Amino acid sequence: MNTNKDNLIQTASDALFRAYQEHSVCEPIRNLIGDTDLQKAYEIQSSLNTSMAKLNNGNAVIGRKIGVTAFAGQKSFGISEPVFGTLFQNMELDNNVEVGFEEFYSPKVEVEIAFIMKKSITSPVSTAQLVQAIDYVAPAIEIVGSRMNWDVKITDMVADNMGASHFVLGHNFKRLDKVDLINCQMQLCNKKEKIAEGIGSICLGSPLNSLRWLANRLAIIGNPLSAGETIISGSLAPMLPIQAGSHLEAHIEGLGEVKISLSKE
């Protein structure tokens, strides 16, 4: 047993979990593991998620998130593929509701296409096989947070469960063949003023490419996607900081709207 390594993983995950509970800032995790060791970063993420799963007498895993799906973002982080995190039950918010700003920490917003899985994927799949495993697609807003106040490298992000904080699904679920995932246009507005726009192809060429990457990666490491899980596949535009009083409304062509408001109280 590598006791020193185990202690390092636990120390890092404890610091992140404490910051999560206290809405405080912790030191960058790269100070412990460096800024290139993704294996250790994922081990810290796994340990953190074990603690997250115990919240509220049982905080179920309901999906996954994929990050750094834009090629420019991968280049800036010095990686050649996306990264992933886990979505828990307490992260999902209702569409078109107002939430107190104090629920978030260093929040930024992303607009994504979400996939709801119909079948589990336990071994690597082709694109055709993947399509058969998808139940619906839906528009999503993700609120991303950073327990290191965005003083981050890629190992910090991965260890911090890819900044998973909260997400909202729109109510307009569609079958896959009803949406042009590559060419669909996205607009994000705050108080009716457009603050971002994008297109499906920004996400690894297609959100379906992003999902296939995740499905195959997780199948290989023995942590496969399960039927019923929600996968948010990667941002369709660069993430933006948000403030108390924001009223966010995103529209994805072919999928409709998804909304959330952040109150000042």
C-alpha atoms as a PDB file:
ATOM      1  CA  MET A   1       0.000   0.000   0.000  1.00  0.00           C
ATOM      2  CA  ASN A   2       1.272   3.450  -0.933  1.00  0.00           C
ATOM      3  CA  THR A   3       0.349   5.251   2.280  1.00  0.00           C
ATOM      4  CA  ASN A   4       1.869   8.580   1.275  1.00  0.00           C
ATOM      5  CA  LYS A   5      -0.111   8.608  -1.971  1.00  0.00           C
ATOM      6  CA  ASP A   6      -3.317   7.616  -0.168  1.00  0.00           C
ATOM      7  CA  ASN A   7      -2.812  10.400   2.376  1.00  0.00           C
ATOM      8  CA  LEU A   8      -2.218  12.948  -0.380  1.00  0.00           C
ATOM      9  CA  ILE A   9      -5.427  11.933  -2.190  1.00  0.00           C
ATOM     10  CA  GLN A  10      -7.425  12.125   1.042  1.00  0.00           C
ATOM     11  CA  THR A  11      -5.893  15.453   2.070  1.00  0.00           C
ATOM     12  CA  ALA A  12      -6.771  16.996  -1.301  1.00  0.00           C
ATOM     13  CA  SER A  13     -10.318  15.633  -1.426  1.00  0.00           C
ATOM     14  CA  ASP A  14     -10.968  16.665   2.190  1.00  0.00           C
ATOM     15  CA  ALA A  15      -9.883  20.227   1.373  1.00  0.00           C
ATOM     16  CA  LEU A  16     -12.227  20.353  -1.618  1.00  0.00           C
ATOM     17  CA  PHE A  17     -15.158  18.884   0.308  1.00  0.00           C
ATOM     18  CA  ARG A  18     -14.644  21.282   3.208  1.00  0.00           C
ATOM     19  CA  ALA A  19     -14.604  24.207   0.763  1.00  0.00           C
ATOM     20  CA  TYR A  20     -17.805  22.850  -0.814  1.00  0.00           C
ATOM     21  CA  GLN A  21     -19.585  22.673   2.537  1.00  0.00           C
ATOM     22  CA  GLU A  22     -18.356  26.060   3.742  1.00  0.00           C
ATOM     23  CA  HIS A  23     -18.569  27.895   0.394  1.00  0.00           C
ATOM     24  CA  SER A  24     -14.949  28.831   0.950  1.00  0.00           C
ATOM     25  CA  VAL A  25     -11.774  28.818  -1.140  1.00  0.00           C
ATOM     26  CA  CYS A  26      -9.027  26.217  -0.884  1.00  0.00           C
ATOM     27  CA  GLU A  27      -5.475  26.175  -2.164  1.00  0.00           C
ATOM     28  CA  PRO A  28      -4.980  24.924  -5.727  1.00  0.00           C
ATOM     29  CA  ILE A  29      -4.745  21.133  -5.804  1.00  0.00           C
ATOM     30  CA  ARG A  30      -1.811  21.378  -8.218  1.00  0.00           C
ATOM     31  CA  ASN A  31       0.265  22.480  -5.229  1.00  0.00           C
ATOM     32  CA  LEU A  32      -0.007  18.864  -4.078  1.00  0.00           C
ATOM     33  CA  ILE A  33       0.043  16.911  -7.349  1.00  0.00           C
ATOM     34  CA  GLY A  34       1.454  19.240  -9.995  1.00  0.00           C
ATOM     35  CA  ASP A  35      -0.370  20.473 -13.066  1.00  0.00           C
ATOM     36  CA  THR A  36      -0.084  17.458 -15.390  1.00  0.00           C
ATOM     37  CA  ASP A  37      -0.914  14.296 -13.382  1.00  0.00           C
ATOM     38  CA  LEU A  38      -4.493  13.626 -14.482  1.00  0.00           C
ATOM     39  CA  GLN A  39      -4.523  10.148 -12.974  1.00  0.00           C
ATOM     40  CA  LYS A  40      -4.018  11.567  -9.473  1.00  0.00           C
ATOM     41  CA  ALA A  41      -6.538  14.313 -10.224  1.00  0.00           C
ATOM     42  CA  TYR A  42      -9.192  11.736 -11.117  1.00  0.00           C
ATOM     43  CA  GLU A  43      -8.356   9.775  -7.953  1.00  0.00           C
ATOM     44  CA  ILE A  44      -8.963  12.927  -5.924  1.00  0.00           C
ATOM     45  CA  GLN A  45     -12.216  13.506  -7.817  1.00  0.00           C
ATOM     46  CA  SER A  46     -13.308   9.955  -6.997  1.00  0.00           C
ATOM     47  CA  SER A  47     -12.543  10.458  -3.300  1.00  0.00           C
ATOM     48  CA  LEU A  48     -14.383  13.799  -3.300  1.00  0.00           C
ATOM     49  CA  ASN A  49     -17.377  12.176  -4.971  1.00  0.00           C
ATOM     50  CA  THR A  50     -17.487   9.492  -2.285  1.00  0.00           C
ATOM     51  CA  SER A  51     -18.030  12.286   0.239  1.00  0.00           C
ATOM     52  CA  MET A  52     -20.560  14.016  -2.026  1.00  0.00           C
ATOM     53  CA  ALA A  53     -22.563  10.801  -2.301  1.00  0.00           C
ATOM     54  CA  LYS A  54     -23.053  10.713   1.497  1.00  0.00           C
ATOM     55  CA  LEU A  55     -24.724  14.123   1.706  1.00  0.00           C
ATOM     56  CA  ASN A  56     -28.362  14.286   2.853  1.00  0.00           C
ATOM     57  CA  ASN A  57     -28.341  10.592   3.804  1.00  0.00           C
ATOM     58  CA  GLY A  58     -27.708   9.608   0.199  1.00  0.00           C
ATOM     59  CA  ASN A  59     -26.968  11.834  -2.770  1.00  0.00           C
ATOM     60  CA  ALA A  60     -27.441   9.680  -5.853  1.00  0.00           C
ATOM     61  CA  VAL A  61     -25.359   9.916  -9.005  1.00  0.00           C
ATOM     62  CA  ILE A  62     -27.747  10.957 -11.797  1.00  0.00           C
ATOM     63  CA  GLY A  63     -25.321  11.647 -14.635  1.00  0.00           C
ATOM     64  CA  ARG A  64     -21.991  12.928 -15.891  1.00  0.00           C
ATOM     65  CA  LYS A  65     -20.586  16.103 -17.350  1.00  0.00           C
ATOM     66  CA  ILE A  66     -17.995  16.511 -20.072  1.00  0.00           C
ATOM     67  CA  GLY A  67     -15.638  19.462 -20.032  1.00  0.00           C
ATOM     68  CA  VAL A  68     -13.052  21.157 -22.244  1.00  0.00           C
ATOM     69  CA  THR A  69     -14.747  19.972 -25.436  1.00  0.00           C
ATOM     70  CA  ALA A  70     -13.618  22.939 -27.536  1.00  0.00           C
ATOM     71  CA  PHE A  71     -10.316  22.316 -29.295  1.00  0.00           C
ATOM     72  CA  ALA A  72      -9.073  25.798 -28.358  1.00  0.00           C
ATOM     73  CA  GLY A  73      -9.747  25.053 -24.696  1.00  0.00           C
ATOM     74  CA  GLN A  74      -7.864  21.763 -24.870  1.00  0.00           C
ATOM     75  CA  LYS A  75      -4.881  23.565 -26.372  1.00  0.00           C
ATOM     76  CA  SER A  76      -4.909  26.192 -23.627  1.00  0.00           C
ATOM     77  CA  PHE A  77      -4.944  23.491 -20.932  1.00  0.00           C
ATOM     78  CA  GLY A  78      -2.278  21.406 -22.679  1.00  0.00           C
ATOM     79  CA  ILE A  79      -4.473  18.337 -23.202  1.00  0.00           C
ATOM     80  CA  SER A  80      -5.592  16.425 -26.288  1.00  0.00           C
ATOM     81  CA  GLU A  81      -9.029  15.141 -25.191  1.00  0.00           C
ATOM     82  CA  PRO A  82     -11.908  16.250 -22.969  1.00  0.00           C
ATOM     83  CA  VAL A  83     -12.251  15.564 -19.248  1.00  0.00           C
ATOM     84  CA  PHE A  84     -15.258  14.504 -17.184  1.00  0.00           C
ATOM     85  CA  GLY A  85     -17.030  14.835 -13.851  1.00  0.00           C
ATOM     86  CA  THR A  86     -20.085  13.478 -12.028  1.00  0.00           C
ATOM     87  CA  LEU A  87     -23.567  14.933 -11.575  1.00  0.00           C
ATOM     88  CA  PHE A  88     -25.409  14.327  -8.295  1.00  0.00           C
ATOM     89  CA  GLN A  89     -29.069  14.577  -7.425  1.00  0.00           C
ATOM     90  CA  ASN A  90     -28.628  17.756  -5.371  1.00  0.00           C
ATOM     91  CA  MET A  91     -27.149  19.552  -8.407  1.00  0.00           C
ATOM     92  CA  GLU A  92     -30.302  19.497 -10.544  1.00  0.00           C
ATOM     93  CA  LEU A  93     -32.524  22.585 -10.403  1.00  0.00           C
ATOM     94  CA  ASP A  94     -35.986  23.034 -11.861  1.00  0.00           C
ATOM     95  CA  ASN A  95     -36.403  24.871 -15.140  1.00  0.00           C
ATOM     96  CA  ASN A  96     -37.543  28.504 -14.943  1.00  0.00           C
ATOM     97  CA  VAL A  97     -37.146  28.907 -11.171  1.00  0.00           C
ATOM     98  CA  GLU A  98     -35.387  31.514  -9.051  1.00  0.00           C
ATOM     99  CA  VAL A  99     -32.537  30.320  -6.843  1.00  0.00           C
ATOM    100  CA  GLY A 100     -30.709  32.267  -4.164  1.00  0.00           C
ATOM    101  CA  PHE A 101     -27.298  33.422  -5.320  1.00  0.00           C
ATOM    102  CA  GLU A 102     -25.804  32.145  -2.055  1.00  0.00           C
ATOM    103  CA  GLU A 103     -26.296  28.597  -3.358  1.00  0.00           C
ATOM    104  CA  PHE A 104     -23.405  29.107  -5.792  1.00  0.00           C
ATOM    105  CA  TYR A 105     -19.668  29.715  -5.476  1.00  0.00           C
ATOM    106  CA  SER A 106     -17.652  31.735  -8.017  1.00  0.00           C
ATOM    107  CA  PRO A 107     -20.365  30.883 -10.570  1.00  0.00           C
ATOM    108  CA  LYS A 108     -20.017  30.861 -14.331  1.00  0.00           C
ATOM    109  CA  VAL A 109     -22.606  29.762 -16.889  1.00  0.00           C
ATOM    110  CA  GLU A 110     -22.463  27.376 -19.834  1.00  0.00           C
ATOM    111  CA  VAL A 111     -25.155  26.289 -22.303  1.00  0.00           C
ATOM    112  CA  GLU A 112     -25.045  22.659 -23.377  1.00  0.00           C
ATOM    113  CA  ILE A 113     -26.929  19.854 -25.049  1.00  0.00           C
ATOM    114  CA  ALA A 114     -27.949  17.130 -22.627  1.00  0.00           C
ATOM    115  CA  PHE A 115     -28.447  13.466 -23.480  1.00  0.00           C
ATOM    116  CA  ILE A 116     -30.702  11.143 -21.488  1.00  0.00           C
ATOM    117  CA  MET A 117     -29.579   7.557 -21.834  1.00  0.00           C
ATOM    118  CA  LYS A 118     -31.961   4.725 -22.712  1.00  0.00           C
ATOM    119  CA  LYS A 119     -29.426   1.921 -22.366  1.00  0.00           C
ATOM    120  CA  SER A 120     -26.277   1.301 -20.371  1.00  0.00           C
ATOM    121  CA  ILE A 121     -22.971   1.241 -22.255  1.00  0.00           C
ATOM    122  CA  THR A 122     -20.604  -1.307 -20.744  1.00  0.00           C
ATOM    123  CA  SER A 123     -18.128  -1.673 -23.619  1.00  0.00           C
ATOM    124  CA  PRO A 124     -16.791   0.666 -26.323  1.00  0.00           C
ATOM    125  CA  VAL A 125     -19.387   1.508 -28.967  1.00  0.00           C
ATOM    126  CA  SER A 126     -19.586   2.785 -32.520  1.00  0.00           C
ATOM    127  CA  THR A 127     -21.544   5.946 -33.283  1.00  0.00           C
ATOM    128  CA  ALA A 128     -24.425   3.828 -34.619  1.00  0.00           C
ATOM    129  CA  GLN A 129     -24.515   1.792 -31.410  1.00  0.00           C
ATOM    130  CA  LEU A 130     -24.366   4.964 -29.340  1.00  0.00           C
ATOM    131  CA  VAL A 131     -27.368   6.433 -31.167  1.00  0.00           C
ATOM    132  CA  GLN A 132     -29.406   3.359 -30.230  1.00  0.00           C
ATOM    133  CA  ALA A 133     -28.529   3.903 -26.553  1.00  0.00           C
ATOM    134  CA  ILE A 134     -29.851   7.484 -26.399  1.00  0.00           C
ATOM    135  CA  ASP A 135     -33.406   8.182 -25.290  1.00  0.00           C
ATOM    136  CA  TYR A 136     -33.755  11.969 -25.596  1.00  0.00           C
ATOM    137  CA  VAL A 137     -31.817  15.191 -26.018  1.00  0.00           C
ATOM    138  CA  ALA A 138     -32.649  18.449 -24.217  1.00  0.00           C
ATOM    139  CA  PRO A 139     -31.288  21.970 -23.764  1.00  0.00           C
ATOM    140  CA  ALA A 140     -29.327  22.593 -20.565  1.00  0.00           C
ATOM    141  CA  ILE A 141     -27.810  25.420 -18.571  1.00  0.00           C
ATOM    142  CA  GLU A 142     -24.913  24.490 -16.321  1.00  0.00           C
ATOM    143  CA  ILE A 143     -23.748  26.683 -13.452  1.00  0.00           C
ATOM    144  CA  VAL A 144     -20.066  25.893 -12.928  1.00  0.00           C
ATOM    145  CA  GLY A 145     -18.184  26.750  -9.748  1.00  0.00           C
ATOM    146  CA  SER A 146     -14.578  26.704  -8.576  1.00  0.00           C
ATOM    147  CA  ARG A 147     -13.491  25.956  -5.043  1.00  0.00           C
ATOM    148  CA  MET A 148     -10.171  27.569  -6.009  1.00  0.00           C
ATOM    149  CA  ASN A 149     -11.792  30.788  -7.257  1.00  0.00           C
ATOM    150  CA  TRP A 150     -10.726  29.963 -10.832  1.00  0.00           C
ATOM    151  CA  ASP A 151      -7.004  29.925 -10.046  1.00  0.00           C
ATOM    152  CA  VAL A 152      -6.859  26.624 -11.906  1.00  0.00           C
ATOM    153  CA  LYS A 153      -4.907  24.366 -14.202  1.00  0.00           C
ATOM    154  CA  ILE A 154      -6.340  21.163 -15.652  1.00  0.00           C
ATOM    155  CA  THR A 155      -5.470  19.015 -12.607  1.00  0.00           C
ATOM    156  CA  ASP A 156      -7.297  21.490 -10.366  1.00  0.00           C
ATOM    157  CA  MET A 157     -10.391  21.319 -12.551  1.00  0.00           C
ATOM    158  CA  VAL A 158     -10.462  17.522 -12.729  1.00  0.00           C
ATOM    159  CA  ALA A 159      -9.863  17.083  -8.984  1.00  0.00           C
ATOM    160  CA  ASP A 160     -12.680  19.576  -8.303  1.00  0.00           C
ATOM    161  CA  ASN A 161     -15.153  17.351 -10.193  1.00  0.00           C
ATOM    162  CA  MET A 162     -14.842  19.673 -13.202  1.00  0.00           C
ATOM    163  CA  GLY A 163     -16.498  22.477 -11.262  1.00  0.00           C
ATOM    164  CA  ALA A 164     -19.841  20.640 -11.182  1.00  0.00           C
ATOM    165  CA  SER A 165     -22.226  22.848  -9.200  1.00  0.00           C
ATOM    166  CA  HIS A 166     -25.777  22.916 -10.625  1.00  0.00           C
ATOM    167  CA  PHE A 167     -27.624  22.312 -13.877  1.00  0.00           C
ATOM    168  CA  VAL A 168     -31.057  22.872 -15.368  1.00  0.00           C
ATOM    169  CA  LEU A 169     -32.769  20.922 -18.148  1.00  0.00           C
ATOM    170  CA  GLY A 170     -35.321  22.480 -20.468  1.00  0.00           C
ATOM    171  CA  HIS A 171     -38.674  20.760 -20.767  1.00  0.00           C
ATOM    172  CA  ASN A 172     -38.538  20.248 -24.521  1.00  0.00           C
ATOM    173  CA  PHE A 173     -37.104  16.728 -24.825  1.00  0.00           C
ATOM    174  CA  LYS A 174     -36.576  15.570 -28.408  1.00  0.00           C
ATOM    175  CA  ARG A 175     -35.574  12.380 -30.153  1.00  0.00           C
ATOM    176  CA  LEU A 176     -32.090  12.498 -31.594  1.00  0.00           C
ATOM    177  CA  ASP A 177     -33.208  12.452 -35.230  1.00  0.00           C
ATOM    178  CA  LYS A 178     -35.256  15.622 -34.716  1.00  0.00           C
ATOM    179  CA  VAL A 179     -32.246  17.847 -33.928  1.00  0.00           C
ATOM    180  CA  ASP A 180     -29.268  18.957 -36.031  1.00  0.00           C
ATOM    181  CA  LEU A 181     -26.620  18.579 -33.346  1.00  0.00           C
ATOM    182  CA  ILE A 182     -23.819  19.982 -35.507  1.00  0.00           C
ATOM    183  CA  ASN A 183     -25.452  23.093 -36.973  1.00  0.00           C
ATOM    184  CA  CYS A 184     -27.928  24.059 -34.251  1.00  0.00           C
ATOM    185  CA  GLN A 185     -27.525  27.667 -33.170  1.00  0.00           C
ATOM    186  CA  MET A 186     -27.485  28.721 -29.512  1.00  0.00           C
ATOM    187  CA  GLN A 187     -28.201  32.062 -27.893  1.00  0.00           C
ATOM    188  CA  LEU A 188     -27.855  32.941 -24.217  1.00  0.00           C
ATOM    189  CA  CYS A 189     -29.536  36.062 -22.832  1.00  0.00           C
ATOM    190  CA  ASN A 190     -29.421  37.768 -19.452  1.00  0.00           C
ATOM    191  CA  LYS A 191     -32.476  39.955 -18.796  1.00  0.00           C
ATOM    192  CA  LYS A 192     -33.337  39.648 -22.498  1.00  0.00           C
ATOM    193  CA  GLU A 193     -29.906  40.950 -23.587  1.00  0.00           C
ATOM    194  CA  LYS A 194     -27.808  38.526 -25.633  1.00  0.00           C
ATOM    195  CA  ILE A 195     -24.542  37.724 -23.859  1.00  0.00           C
ATOM    196  CA  ALA A 196     -23.339  34.655 -25.794  1.00  0.00           C
ATOM    197  CA  GLU A 197     -23.981  32.647 -28.920  1.00  0.00           C
ATOM    198  CA  GLY A 198     -22.624  29.419 -30.308  1.00  0.00           C
ATOM    199  CA  ILE A 199     -23.205  26.354 -32.436  1.00  0.00           C
ATOM    200  CA  GLY A 200     -23.296  22.605 -31.847  1.00  0.00           C
ATOM    201  CA  SER A 201     -20.065  21.945 -33.722  1.00  0.00           C
ATOM    202  CA  ILE A 202     -18.064  23.880 -31.083  1.00  0.00           C
ATOM    203  CA  CYS A 203     -18.490  20.835 -28.862  1.00  0.00           C
ATOM    204  CA  LEU A 204     -15.834  18.446 -30.259  1.00  0.00           C
ATOM    205  CA  GLY A 205     -17.238  18.833 -33.768  1.00  0.00           C
ATOM    206  CA  SER A 206     -20.592  17.484 -32.543  1.00  0.00           C
ATOM    207  CA  PRO A 207     -22.045  16.836 -29.077  1.00  0.00           C
ATOM    208  CA  LEU A 208     -22.485  13.231 -30.226  1.00  0.00           C
ATOM    209  CA  ASN A 209     -18.696  12.951 -30.617  1.00  0.00           C
ATOM    210  CA  SER A 210     -18.346  14.211 -27.069  1.00  0.00           C
ATOM    211  CA  LEU A 211     -20.809  11.661 -25.724  1.00  0.00           C
ATOM    212  CA  ARG A 212     -19.137   8.811 -27.591  1.00  0.00           C
ATOM    213  CA  TRP A 213     -15.757   9.827 -26.163  1.00  0.00           C
ATOM    214  CA  LEU A 214     -17.176   9.718 -22.640  1.00  0.00           C
ATOM    215  CA  ALA A 215     -19.075   6.456 -23.128  1.00  0.00           C
ATOM    216  CA  ASN A 216     -16.004   4.670 -24.432  1.00  0.00           C
ATOM    217  CA  ARG A 217     -13.655   6.188 -21.862  1.00  0.00           C
ATOM    218  CA  LEU A 218     -15.889   5.175 -18.959  1.00  0.00           C
ATOM    219  CA  ALA A 219     -16.475   1.687 -20.365  1.00  0.00           C
ATOM    220  CA  ILE A 220     -12.719   1.138 -20.560  1.00  0.00           C
ATOM    221  CA  ILE A 221     -12.090   2.217 -16.947  1.00  0.00           C
ATOM    222  CA  GLY A 222     -15.013   0.166 -15.621  1.00  0.00           C
ATOM    223  CA  ASN A 223     -17.327   3.027 -14.615  1.00  0.00           C
ATOM    224  CA  PRO A 224     -19.868   2.799 -17.445  1.00  0.00           C
ATOM    225  CA  LEU A 225     -22.807   5.009 -18.308  1.00  0.00           C
ATOM    226  CA  SER A 226     -26.119   3.650 -17.044  1.00  0.00           C
ATOM    227  CA  ALA A 227     -29.610   3.773 -18.458  1.00  0.00           C
ATOM    228  CA  GLY A 228     -31.443   6.839 -17.198  1.00  0.00           C
ATOM    229  CA  GLU A 229     -28.349   8.974 -16.676  1.00  0.00           C
ATOM    230  CA  THR A 230     -28.242  12.577 -17.875  1.00  0.00           C
ATOM    231  CA  ILE A 231     -25.071  13.620 -19.698  1.00  0.00           C
ATOM    232  CA  ILE A 232     -24.302  17.290 -20.289  1.00  0.00           C
ATOM    233  CA  SER A 233     -21.987  17.138 -23.241  1.00  0.00           C
ATOM    234  CA  GLY A 234     -19.950  20.350 -23.248  1.00  0.00           C
ATOM    235  CA  SER A 235     -20.435  24.070 -23.664  1.00  0.00           C
ATOM    236  CA  LEU A 236     -21.561  25.603 -26.960  1.00  0.00           C
ATOM    237  CA  ALA A 237     -19.769  28.872 -26.110  1.00  0.00           C
ATOM    238  CA  PRO A 238     -17.061  30.021 -23.682  1.00  0.00           C
ATOM    239  CA  MET A 239     -18.318  30.083 -20.086  1.00  0.00           C
ATOM    240  CA  LEU A 240     -19.180  33.480 -18.628  1.00  0.00           C
ATOM    241  CA  PRO A 241     -19.213  34.798 -15.048  1.00  0.00           C
ATOM    242  CA  ILE A 242     -22.648  35.614 -13.635  1.00  0.00           C
ATOM    243  CA  GLN A 243     -23.862  37.791 -10.787  1.00  0.00           C
ATOM    244  CA  ALA A 244     -26.739  37.965  -8.345  1.00  0.00           C
ATOM    245  CA  GLY A 245     -29.862  39.211 -10.086  1.00  0.00           C
ATOM    246  CA  SER A 246     -29.127  37.424 -13.356  1.00  0.00           C
ATOM    247  CA  HIS A 247     -32.124  36.126 -15.322  1.00  0.00           C
ATOM    248  CA  LEU A 248     -30.659  33.616 -17.758  1.00  0.00           C
ATOM    249  CA  GLU A 249     -32.504  32.271 -20.773  1.00  0.00           C
ATOM    250  CA  ALA A 250     -30.870  29.997 -23.338  1.00  0.00           C
ATOM    251  CA  HIS A 251     -32.348  28.909 -26.651  1.00  0.00           C
ATOM    252  CA  ILE A 252     -30.949  26.054 -28.751  1.00  0.00           C
ATOM    253  CA  GLU A 253     -32.323  25.713 -32.266  1.00  0.00           C
ATOM    254  CA  GLY A 254     -34.545  22.654 -32.495  1.00  0.00           C
ATOM    255  CA  LEU A 255     -34.576  22.139 -28.720  1.00  0.00           C
ATOM    256  CA  GLY A 256     -36.177  25.264 -27.348  1.00  0.00           C
ATOM    257  CA  GLU A 257     -35.549  27.183 -24.141  1.00  0.00           C
ATOM    258  CA  VAL A 258     -34.126  26.628 -20.688  1.00  0.00           C
ATOM    259  CA  LYS A 259     -34.183  29.307 -17.968  1.00  0.00           C
ATOM    260  CA  ILE A 260     -32.931  30.086 -14.476  1.00  0.00           C
ATOM    261  CA  SER A 261     -32.812  33.212 -12.305  1.00  0.00           C
ATOM    262  CA  LEU A 262     -30.337  33.989  -9.519  1.00  0.00           C
ATOM    263  CA  SER A 263     -31.928  36.126  -6.825  1.00  0.00           C
ATOM    264  CA  LYS A 264     -30.087  38.776  -4.826  1.00  0.00           C
ATOM    265  CA  GLU A 265     -31.410  37.420  -1.511  1.00  0.00           C
END
